[in-house]
Amino acid sequence: MSLRFRIIFASACAVLAALLGLSYADAVKAEAQQERNEAIARYGGDVVSVAVANRQLKAGDVIQEGDVTSRDWVLDLVPEGAITSTDDLVGKKLSAPVAKNGVLTDACFQKSGQTMAVPDGLVGISIPVSDKLGISADTAQGTKLVAYEVGKGGSEQIGDSVVLLSSLAQTAEGENPESISLAVKGADVDRILSASAAGTLSFVLPANGANAKDLGSTKVSKDPVQSTAPAEVTGSGGESAKQDDADKSKQTTTNATSQSSQAAQTANGSGNTGTTEEEKK
């Protein structure tokens, strides 16, 4: 068998293997498409192309090429406001997180000033944005928070049913919000607004299922440190200690009186001696 024949035979085998591989890939793709078409048919048959996230996207992320793709979606299952084209999405900033394989909607790119409706039983307030609030840009609208007033004396919980109505993320126009909207209990409005004005307001994000009442507060005593005196001892031992103190005081008084008497006698003696000598003269 000549070398030329071997080369031709090997090349033919390689081409055949490549063709078989492509044929298998096409068969798998056709089978998957058939299964998809059957699934779509079960849901009604009508489909539409929508923009879908290829990875987990957070609020504040800027859409890059490869982050989104177009996929066919059952029309009846398409969420309201779904974006049907990916052409204008690159470069836009999300105001809400999107899960992998999730459909992107207009709500993911809300403009400045758009807020959620105030839930029943709560009232809406607006406070200025500051670094002390503890709310990150990727915190989604509708997130439940717990409000605290933080000072030198500790922290105190002042609101346990706070709902974030607006996002801190930059808008698609690149604007940073100057204020945020919150839904709070009517009884908590005064304290939350006062803490915001004083710059002592901060929020925490409780875990799912956590009870805000279990978070508690931390109070530091503001009373000055007082010098401590020995406590008065009571009982038989105390009575004995009191008696000893009384005896010592009495003994000290007696000694002082005795010394005073001796000094007086000495002075009188000196005076008498002087008088006698004068009489003798």
C-alpha atoms as a PDB file:
ATOM      1  CA  MET A   1       0.000   0.000   0.000  1.00  0.00           C
ATOM      2  CA  SER A   2       1.566   3.225  -1.160  1.00  0.00           C
ATOM      3  CA  LEU A   3       1.937   6.382   0.984  1.00  0.00           C
ATOM      4  CA  ARG A   4      -0.308   8.338  -1.369  1.00  0.00           C
ATOM      5  CA  PHE A   5      -3.153   5.873  -0.886  1.00  0.00           C
ATOM      6  CA  ARG A   6      -2.797   6.063   2.897  1.00  0.00           C
ATOM      7  CA  ILE A   7      -3.048   9.851   2.846  1.00  0.00           C
ATOM      8  CA  ILE A   8      -6.154   9.807   0.652  1.00  0.00           C
ATOM      9  CA  PHE A   9      -7.798   7.145   2.817  1.00  0.00           C
ATOM     10  CA  ALA A  10      -7.091   9.029   6.044  1.00  0.00           C
ATOM     11  CA  SER A  11      -8.460  12.251   4.578  1.00  0.00           C
ATOM     12  CA  ALA A  12     -11.626  10.500   3.444  1.00  0.00           C
ATOM     13  CA  CYS A  13     -12.136   9.046   6.928  1.00  0.00           C
ATOM     14  CA  ALA A  14     -11.698  12.471   8.505  1.00  0.00           C
ATOM     15  CA  VAL A  15     -14.241  14.037   6.171  1.00  0.00           C
ATOM     16  CA  LEU A  16     -16.682  11.217   6.819  1.00  0.00           C
ATOM     17  CA  ALA A  17     -16.287  11.629  10.597  1.00  0.00           C
ATOM     18  CA  ALA A  18     -16.926  15.346  10.314  1.00  0.00           C
ATOM     19  CA  LEU A  19     -20.049  14.779   8.251  1.00  0.00           C
ATOM     20  CA  LEU A  20     -21.326  12.225  10.735  1.00  0.00           C
ATOM     21  CA  GLY A  21     -20.712  14.669  13.581  1.00  0.00           C
ATOM     22  CA  LEU A  22     -22.585  17.471  11.836  1.00  0.00           C
ATOM     23  CA  SER A  23     -25.412  15.095  10.985  1.00  0.00           C
ATOM     24  CA  TYR A  24     -25.696  14.015  14.622  1.00  0.00           C
ATOM     25  CA  ALA A  25     -25.695  17.621  15.820  1.00  0.00           C
ATOM     26  CA  ASP A  26     -28.433  18.522  13.357  1.00  0.00           C
ATOM     27  CA  ALA A  27     -30.455  15.511  14.458  1.00  0.00           C
ATOM     28  CA  VAL A  28     -30.144  16.494  18.140  1.00  0.00           C
ATOM     29  CA  LYS A  29     -31.061  20.091  17.345  1.00  0.00           C
ATOM     30  CA  ALA A  30     -34.044  19.001  15.273  1.00  0.00           C
ATOM     31  CA  GLU A  31     -35.205  16.718  18.067  1.00  0.00           C
ATOM     32  CA  ALA A  32     -34.924  19.508  20.628  1.00  0.00           C
ATOM     33  CA  GLN A  33     -36.811  21.882  18.358  1.00  0.00           C
ATOM     34  CA  GLN A  34     -39.515  19.281  17.857  1.00  0.00           C
ATOM     35  CA  GLU A  35     -39.894  18.843  21.618  1.00  0.00           C
ATOM     36  CA  ARG A  36     -40.070  22.618  22.029  1.00  0.00           C
ATOM     37  CA  ASN A  37     -42.704  22.908  19.317  1.00  0.00           C
ATOM     38  CA  GLU A  38     -44.738  20.182  20.981  1.00  0.00           C
ATOM     39  CA  ALA A  39     -44.494  21.970  24.321  1.00  0.00           C
ATOM     40  CA  ILE A  40     -45.524  25.256  22.717  1.00  0.00           C
ATOM     41  CA  ALA A  41     -48.444  23.522  21.039  1.00  0.00           C
ATOM     42  CA  ARG A  42     -49.649  22.258  24.416  1.00  0.00           C
ATOM     43  CA  TYR A  43     -49.692  25.849  25.751  1.00  0.00           C
ATOM     44  CA  GLY A  44     -51.645  27.275  22.839  1.00  0.00           C
ATOM     45  CA  GLY A  45     -49.204  27.496  19.939  1.00  0.00           C
ATOM     46  CA  ASP A  46     -48.641  31.297  19.730  1.00  0.00           C
ATOM     47  CA  VAL A  47     -45.106  32.468  20.524  1.00  0.00           C
ATOM     48  CA  VAL A  48     -43.300  35.810  20.663  1.00  0.00           C
ATOM     49  CA  SER A  49     -39.609  36.750  20.881  1.00  0.00           C
ATOM     50  CA  VAL A  50     -38.603  38.389  24.182  1.00  0.00           C
ATOM     51  CA  ALA A  51     -35.365  39.564  25.817  1.00  0.00           C
ATOM     52  CA  VAL A  52     -34.073  37.083  28.406  1.00  0.00           C
ATOM     53  CA  ALA A  53     -31.160  37.386  30.865  1.00  0.00           C
ATOM     54  CA  ASN A  54     -28.272  34.976  30.276  1.00  0.00           C
ATOM     55  CA  ARG A  55     -27.065  35.361  33.879  1.00  0.00           C
ATOM     56  CA  GLN A  56     -28.167  36.690  37.232  1.00  0.00           C
ATOM     57  CA  LEU A  57     -28.408  40.480  36.994  1.00  0.00           C
ATOM     58  CA  LYS A  58     -28.548  42.848  39.974  1.00  0.00           C
ATOM     59  CA  ALA A  59     -30.131  46.259  40.330  1.00  0.00           C
ATOM     60  CA  GLY A  60     -27.558  48.823  39.254  1.00  0.00           C
ATOM     61  CA  ASP A  61     -25.864  46.516  36.701  1.00  0.00           C
ATOM     62  CA  VAL A  62     -25.230  47.984  33.262  1.00  0.00           C
ATOM     63  CA  ILE A  63     -26.361  45.654  30.460  1.00  0.00           C
ATOM     64  CA  GLN A  64     -23.402  44.361  28.425  1.00  0.00           C
ATOM     65  CA  GLU A  65     -23.331  42.355  25.226  1.00  0.00           C
ATOM     66  CA  GLY A  66     -23.896  38.735  26.124  1.00  0.00           C
ATOM     67  CA  ASP A  67     -25.982  39.555  29.211  1.00  0.00           C
ATOM     68  CA  VAL A  68     -29.250  39.210  27.270  1.00  0.00           C
ATOM     69  CA  THR A  69     -30.514  37.218  24.330  1.00  0.00           C
ATOM     70  CA  SER A  70     -33.761  36.764  22.386  1.00  0.00           C
ATOM     71  CA  ARG A  71     -35.875  33.672  22.940  1.00  0.00           C
ATOM     72  CA  ASP A  72     -39.266  32.500  21.809  1.00  0.00           C
ATOM     73  CA  TRP A  73     -41.804  32.624  24.608  1.00  0.00           C
ATOM     74  CA  VAL A  74     -45.344  31.361  24.835  1.00  0.00           C
ATOM     75  CA  LEU A  75     -47.497  34.420  24.288  1.00  0.00           C
ATOM     76  CA  ASP A  76     -49.897  33.632  27.115  1.00  0.00           C
ATOM     77  CA  LEU A  77     -46.970  33.324  29.560  1.00  0.00           C
ATOM     78  CA  VAL A  78     -45.169  36.539  28.584  1.00  0.00           C
ATOM     79  CA  PRO A  79     -45.163  38.983  31.560  1.00  0.00           C
ATOM     80  CA  GLU A  80     -46.707  42.410  31.152  1.00  0.00           C
ATOM     81  CA  GLY A  81     -44.308  44.999  29.775  1.00  0.00           C
ATOM     82  CA  ALA A  82     -41.872  42.390  28.408  1.00  0.00           C
ATOM     83  CA  ILE A  83     -39.134  43.784  26.153  1.00  0.00           C
ATOM     84  CA  THR A  84     -39.186  42.111  22.744  1.00  0.00           C
ATOM     85  CA  SER A  85     -35.890  43.405  21.315  1.00  0.00           C
ATOM     86  CA  THR A  86     -32.339  43.366  22.684  1.00  0.00           C
ATOM     87  CA  ASP A  87     -31.028  46.051  20.320  1.00  0.00           C
ATOM     88  CA  ASP A  88     -31.460  49.006  22.674  1.00  0.00           C
ATOM     89  CA  LEU A  89     -30.712  47.263  25.993  1.00  0.00           C
ATOM     90  CA  VAL A  90     -26.897  47.408  25.916  1.00  0.00           C
ATOM     91  CA  GLY A  91     -25.643  50.253  28.099  1.00  0.00           C
ATOM     92  CA  LYS A  92     -28.821  50.643  30.127  1.00  0.00           C
ATOM     93  CA  LYS A  93     -28.764  50.349  33.915  1.00  0.00           C
ATOM     94  CA  LEU A  94     -31.150  48.067  35.753  1.00  0.00           C
ATOM     95  CA  SER A  95     -33.267  49.423  38.583  1.00  0.00           C
ATOM     96  CA  ALA A  96     -34.411  45.936  39.671  1.00  0.00           C
ATOM     97  CA  PRO A  97     -32.734  42.499  39.765  1.00  0.00           C
ATOM     98  CA  VAL A  98     -33.418  39.906  37.053  1.00  0.00           C
ATOM     99  CA  ALA A  99     -32.923  36.155  37.551  1.00  0.00           C
ATOM    100  CA  LYS A 100     -31.086  33.991  35.045  1.00  0.00           C
ATOM    101  CA  ASN A 101     -33.417  33.065  32.153  1.00  0.00           C
ATOM    102  CA  GLY A 102     -35.840  35.714  33.377  1.00  0.00           C
ATOM    103  CA  VAL A 103     -37.707  37.975  30.977  1.00  0.00           C
ATOM    104  CA  LEU A 104     -36.706  41.640  31.065  1.00  0.00           C
ATOM    105  CA  THR A 105     -39.609  44.077  31.381  1.00  0.00           C
ATOM    106  CA  ASP A 106     -40.096  47.831  31.426  1.00  0.00           C
ATOM    107  CA  ALA A 107     -40.239  47.664  35.232  1.00  0.00           C
ATOM    108  CA  CYS A 108     -36.543  46.692  35.227  1.00  0.00           C
ATOM    109  CA  PHE A 109     -35.684  50.155  33.881  1.00  0.00           C
ATOM    110  CA  GLN A 110     -37.988  52.461  35.799  1.00  0.00           C
ATOM    111  CA  LYS A 111     -37.254  56.161  35.492  1.00  0.00           C
ATOM    112  CA  SER A 112     -36.642  58.549  38.342  1.00  0.00           C
ATOM    113  CA  GLY A 113     -39.765  59.312  40.347  1.00  0.00           C
ATOM    114  CA  GLN A 114     -41.567  56.060  39.632  1.00  0.00           C
ATOM    115  CA  THR A 115     -42.656  54.383  42.856  1.00  0.00           C
ATOM    116  CA  MET A 116     -44.814  51.528  43.967  1.00  0.00           C
ATOM    117  CA  ALA A 117     -48.301  51.999  45.311  1.00  0.00           C
ATOM    118  CA  VAL A 118     -48.555  52.437  49.078  1.00  0.00           C
ATOM    119  CA  PRO A 119     -49.751  49.171  50.681  1.00  0.00           C
ATOM    120  CA  ASP A 120     -53.014  49.177  52.598  1.00  0.00           C
ATOM    121  CA  GLY A 121     -52.684  50.220  56.223  1.00  0.00           C
ATOM    122  CA  LEU A 122     -49.480  52.220  55.670  1.00  0.00           C
ATOM    123  CA  VAL A 123     -48.694  55.821  54.740  1.00  0.00           C
ATOM    124  CA  GLY A 124     -46.141  57.073  52.231  1.00  0.00           C
ATOM    125  CA  ILE A 125     -43.270  59.386  53.214  1.00  0.00           C
ATOM    126  CA  SER A 126     -40.178  60.699  51.438  1.00  0.00           C
ATOM    127  CA  ILE A 127     -36.760  61.173  53.063  1.00  0.00           C
ATOM    128  CA  PRO A 128     -33.435  62.456  51.658  1.00  0.00           C
ATOM    129  CA  VAL A 129     -30.790  59.928  50.655  1.00  0.00           C
ATOM    130  CA  SER A 130     -27.681  59.628  52.848  1.00  0.00           C
ATOM    131  CA  ASP A 131     -24.911  57.104  53.416  1.00  0.00           C
ATOM    132  CA  LYS A 132     -26.191  56.456  56.954  1.00  0.00           C
ATOM    133  CA  LEU A 133     -29.460  54.899  55.771  1.00  0.00           C
ATOM    134  CA  GLY A 134     -27.811  51.525  55.150  1.00  0.00           C
ATOM    135  CA  ILE A 135     -29.814  50.842  51.963  1.00  0.00           C
ATOM    136  CA  SER A 136     -27.726  49.604  49.033  1.00  0.00           C
ATOM    137  CA  ALA A 137     -28.400  50.461  45.397  1.00  0.00           C
ATOM    138  CA  ASP A 138     -29.381  46.870  44.598  1.00  0.00           C
ATOM    139  CA  THR A 139     -32.172  46.779  47.193  1.00  0.00           C
ATOM    140  CA  ALA A 140     -35.327  46.149  45.189  1.00  0.00           C
ATOM    141  CA  GLN A 141     -38.595  47.992  45.494  1.00  0.00           C
ATOM    142  CA  GLY A 142     -41.029  46.277  47.811  1.00  0.00           C
ATOM    143  CA  THR A 143     -38.271  45.158  50.203  1.00  0.00           C
ATOM    144  CA  LYS A 144     -39.324  45.159  53.849  1.00  0.00           C
ATOM    145  CA  LEU A 145     -37.002  47.007  56.237  1.00  0.00           C
ATOM    146  CA  VAL A 146     -36.714  47.754  59.941  1.00  0.00           C
ATOM    147  CA  ALA A 147     -35.954  51.349  61.020  1.00  0.00           C
ATOM    148  CA  TYR A 148     -33.591  52.270  63.850  1.00  0.00           C
ATOM    149  CA  GLU A 149     -32.551  55.509  65.509  1.00  0.00           C
ATOM    150  CA  VAL A 150     -28.815  55.296  66.170  1.00  0.00           C
ATOM    151  CA  GLY A 151     -27.018  57.642  68.551  1.00  0.00           C
ATOM    152  CA  LYS A 152     -24.195  57.788  71.060  1.00  0.00           C
ATOM    153  CA  GLY A 153     -26.445  56.208  73.658  1.00  0.00           C
ATOM    154  CA  GLY A 154     -27.174  53.133  71.516  1.00  0.00           C
ATOM    155  CA  SER A 155     -29.845  52.204  68.985  1.00  0.00           C
ATOM    156  CA  GLU A 156     -33.607  51.973  69.279  1.00  0.00           C
ATOM    157  CA  GLN A 157     -36.082  50.350  66.913  1.00  0.00           C
ATOM    158  CA  ILE A 158     -38.575  52.941  65.698  1.00  0.00           C
ATOM    159  CA  GLY A 159     -40.314  51.138  62.829  1.00  0.00           C
ATOM    160  CA  ASP A 160     -40.855  47.432  62.134  1.00  0.00           C
ATOM    161  CA  SER A 161     -43.056  47.550  59.022  1.00  0.00           C
ATOM    162  CA  VAL A 162     -41.173  49.761  56.560  1.00  0.00           C
ATOM    163  CA  VAL A 163     -41.550  49.049  52.815  1.00  0.00           C
ATOM    164  CA  LEU A 164     -39.182  50.508  50.218  1.00  0.00           C
ATOM    165  CA  LEU A 165     -41.300  52.116  47.492  1.00  0.00           C
ATOM    166  CA  SER A 166     -38.512  53.507  45.282  1.00  0.00           C
ATOM    167  CA  SER A 167     -35.075  52.252  44.306  1.00  0.00           C
ATOM    168  CA  LEU A 168     -31.705  53.835  45.092  1.00  0.00           C
ATOM    169  CA  ALA A 169     -30.205  52.548  41.852  1.00  0.00           C
ATOM    170  CA  GLN A 170     -29.286  54.952  39.105  1.00  0.00           C
ATOM    171  CA  THR A 171     -31.865  55.291  36.383  1.00  0.00           C
ATOM    172  CA  ALA A 172     -31.290  54.469  32.747  1.00  0.00           C
ATOM    173  CA  GLU A 173     -30.323  58.123  32.303  1.00  0.00           C
ATOM    174  CA  GLY A 174     -27.541  57.756  34.907  1.00  0.00           C
ATOM    175  CA  GLU A 175     -29.269  59.912  37.529  1.00  0.00           C
ATOM    176  CA  ASN A 176     -28.829  59.335  41.264  1.00  0.00           C
ATOM    177  CA  PRO A 177     -32.024  59.749  43.305  1.00  0.00           C
ATOM    178  CA  GLU A 178     -31.909  62.508  45.912  1.00  0.00           C
ATOM    179  CA  SER A 179     -34.719  61.032  47.981  1.00  0.00           C
ATOM    180  CA  ILE A 180     -36.475  57.736  48.506  1.00  0.00           C
ATOM    181  CA  SER A 181     -40.089  56.889  49.219  1.00  0.00           C
ATOM    182  CA  LEU A 182     -41.127  54.614  52.059  1.00  0.00           C
ATOM    183  CA  ALA A 183     -44.360  53.158  53.357  1.00  0.00           C
ATOM    184  CA  VAL A 184     -44.562  53.155  57.163  1.00  0.00           C
ATOM    185  CA  LYS A 185     -47.114  52.832  59.930  1.00  0.00           C
ATOM    186  CA  GLY A 186     -48.890  56.048  60.813  1.00  0.00           C
ATOM    187  CA  ALA A 187     -47.672  55.822  64.403  1.00  0.00           C
ATOM    188  CA  ASP A 188     -44.026  55.654  63.245  1.00  0.00           C
ATOM    189  CA  VAL A 189     -44.069  58.668  60.904  1.00  0.00           C
ATOM    190  CA  ASP A 190     -43.025  61.275  63.476  1.00  0.00           C
ATOM    191  CA  ARG A 191     -40.053  59.355  64.870  1.00  0.00           C
ATOM    192  CA  ILE A 192     -38.762  58.266  61.456  1.00  0.00           C
ATOM    193  CA  LEU A 193     -38.934  61.796  60.045  1.00  0.00           C
ATOM    194  CA  SER A 194     -37.306  63.232  63.176  1.00  0.00           C
ATOM    195  CA  ALA A 195     -34.472  60.684  63.016  1.00  0.00           C
ATOM    196  CA  SER A 196     -33.988  61.441  59.317  1.00  0.00           C
ATOM    197  CA  ALA A 197     -33.741  65.161  60.007  1.00  0.00           C
ATOM    198  CA  ALA A 198     -31.243  64.539  62.818  1.00  0.00           C
ATOM    199  CA  GLY A 199     -29.133  62.199  60.666  1.00  0.00           C
ATOM    200  CA  THR A 200     -29.590  59.283  63.075  1.00  0.00           C
ATOM    201  CA  LEU A 201     -31.875  57.122  60.904  1.00  0.00           C
ATOM    202  CA  SER A 202     -30.658  53.720  59.716  1.00  0.00           C
ATOM    203  CA  PHE A 203     -32.344  50.641  58.255  1.00  0.00           C
ATOM    204  CA  VAL A 204     -31.634  46.919  58.471  1.00  0.00           C
ATOM    205  CA  LEU A 205     -32.774  44.184  56.110  1.00  0.00           C
ATOM    206  CA  PRO A 206     -34.202  41.232  58.086  1.00  0.00           C
ATOM    207  CA  ALA A 207     -34.019  37.710  56.687  1.00  0.00           C
ATOM    208  CA  ASN A 208     -37.124  36.048  55.337  1.00  0.00           C
ATOM    209  CA  GLY A 209     -39.261  34.845  58.227  1.00  0.00           C
ATOM    210  CA  ALA A 210     -37.403  36.940  60.818  1.00  0.00           C
ATOM    211  CA  ASN A 211     -39.555  38.677  63.416  1.00  0.00           C
ATOM    212  CA  ALA A 212     -38.698  42.361  63.699  1.00  0.00           C
ATOM    213  CA  LYS A 213     -39.553  42.262  67.407  1.00  0.00           C
ATOM    214  CA  ASP A 214     -36.733  39.774  67.955  1.00  0.00           C
ATOM    215  CA  LEU A 215     -34.148  42.250  66.629  1.00  0.00           C
ATOM    216  CA  GLY A 216     -34.574  44.440  69.699  1.00  0.00           C
ATOM    217  CA  SER A 217     -32.734  47.629  70.622  1.00  0.00           C
ATOM    218  CA  THR A 218     -29.461  48.488  72.305  1.00  0.00           C
ATOM    219  CA  LYS A 219     -29.473  51.117  75.002  1.00  0.00           C
ATOM    220  CA  VAL A 220     -26.405  52.560  76.725  1.00  0.00           C
ATOM    221  CA  SER A 221     -26.975  54.287  80.066  1.00  0.00           C
ATOM    222  CA  LYS A 222     -26.440  58.045  79.861  1.00  0.00           C
ATOM    223  CA  ASP A 223     -26.155  58.493  83.692  1.00  0.00           C
ATOM    224  CA  PRO A 224     -22.708  59.673  84.822  1.00  0.00           C
ATOM    225  CA  VAL A 225     -20.572  57.180  86.659  1.00  0.00           C
ATOM    226  CA  GLN A 226     -21.027  57.677  90.380  1.00  0.00           C
ATOM    227  CA  SER A 227     -18.495  56.799  93.039  1.00  0.00           C
ATOM    228  CA  THR A 228     -19.559  53.752  94.931  1.00  0.00           C
ATOM    229  CA  ALA A 229     -19.485  53.684  98.703  1.00  0.00           C
ATOM    230  CA  PRO A 230     -19.388  50.487 100.722  1.00  0.00           C
ATOM    231  CA  ALA A 231     -22.864  49.215 101.282  1.00  0.00           C
ATOM    232  CA  GLU A 232     -24.197  49.351 104.781  1.00  0.00           C
ATOM    233  CA  VAL A 233     -23.941  45.937 106.339  1.00  0.00           C
ATOM    234  CA  THR A 234     -27.069  44.665 107.941  1.00  0.00           C
ATOM    235  CA  GLY A 235     -27.705  41.869 110.320  1.00  0.00           C
ATOM    236  CA  SER A 236     -25.749  40.826 113.404  1.00  0.00           C
ATOM    237  CA  GLY A 237     -22.427  41.506 111.717  1.00  0.00           C
ATOM    238  CA  GLY A 238     -23.601  44.980 110.820  1.00  0.00           C
ATOM    239  CA  GLU A 239     -24.703  45.752 114.323  1.00  0.00           C
ATOM    240  CA  SER A 240     -21.300  44.616 115.625  1.00  0.00           C
ATOM    241  CA  ALA A 241     -19.503  46.856 113.139  1.00  0.00           C
ATOM    242  CA  LYS A 242     -21.633  49.823 114.195  1.00  0.00           C
ATOM    243  CA  GLN A 243     -20.914  49.137 117.868  1.00  0.00           C
ATOM    244  CA  ASP A 244     -17.142  48.963 117.220  1.00  0.00           C
ATOM    245  CA  ASP A 245     -17.253  52.305 115.434  1.00  0.00           C
ATOM    246  CA  ALA A 246     -19.167  53.850 118.328  1.00  0.00           C
ATOM    247  CA  ASP A 247     -16.670  52.490 120.893  1.00  0.00           C
ATOM    248  CA  LYS A 248     -13.706  53.830 118.913  1.00  0.00           C
ATOM    249  CA  SER A 249     -15.344  57.261 118.655  1.00  0.00           C
ATOM    250  CA  LYS A 250     -16.070  57.297 122.393  1.00  0.00           C
ATOM    251  CA  GLN A 251     -12.499  56.272 123.236  1.00  0.00           C
ATOM    252  CA  THR A 252     -11.113  59.051 121.021  1.00  0.00           C
ATOM    253  CA  THR A 253     -13.346  61.614 122.734  1.00  0.00           C
ATOM    254  CA  THR A 254     -12.260  60.370 126.181  1.00  0.00           C
ATOM    255  CA  ASN A 255      -8.563  60.610 125.294  1.00  0.00           C
ATOM    256  CA  ALA A 256      -9.012  64.164 123.986  1.00  0.00           C
ATOM    257  CA  THR A 257     -10.832  65.184 127.170  1.00  0.00           C
ATOM    258  CA  SER A 258      -8.102  63.672 129.361  1.00  0.00           C
ATOM    259  CA  GLN A 259      -5.368  65.489 127.491  1.00  0.00           C
ATOM    260  CA  SER A 260      -7.233  68.778 127.829  1.00  0.00           C
ATOM    261  CA  SER A 261      -7.598  68.251 131.606  1.00  0.00           C
ATOM    262  CA  GLN A 262      -3.875  67.545 132.034  1.00  0.00           C
ATOM    263  CA  ALA A 263      -2.940  70.682 130.119  1.00  0.00           C
ATOM    264  CA  ALA A 264      -5.260  72.777 132.308  1.00  0.00           C
ATOM    265  CA  GLN A 265      -3.799  71.340 135.513  1.00  0.00           C
ATOM    266  CA  THR A 266      -0.259  72.067 134.363  1.00  0.00           C
ATOM    267  CA  ALA A 267      -1.181  75.646 133.579  1.00  0.00           C
ATOM    268  CA  ASN A 268      -2.809  76.111 137.025  1.00  0.00           C
ATOM    269  CA  GLY A 269       0.212  74.648 138.736  1.00  0.00           C
ATOM    270  CA  SER A 270       2.525  77.098 137.060  1.00  0.00           C
ATOM    271  CA  GLY A 271       0.286  80.000 138.034  1.00  0.00           C
ATOM    272  CA  ASN A 272       0.197  78.978 141.724  1.00  0.00           C
ATOM    273  CA  THR A 273       3.980  78.666 141.944  1.00  0.00           C
ATOM    274  CA  GLY A 274       4.420  82.189 140.612  1.00  0.00           C
ATOM    275  CA  THR A 275       2.019  83.629 143.213  1.00  0.00           C
ATOM    276  CA  THR A 276       3.807  81.953 146.156  1.00  0.00           C
ATOM    277  CA  GLU A 277       7.176  83.350 145.165  1.00  0.00           C
ATOM    278  CA  GLU A 278       5.721  86.878 144.958  1.00  0.00           C
ATOM    279  CA  GLU A 279       4.194  86.540 148.472  1.00  0.00           C
ATOM    280  CA  LYS A 280       7.562  85.431 149.908  1.00  0.00           C
ATOM    281  CA  LYS A 281       9.226  88.523 148.483  1.00  0.00           C
END
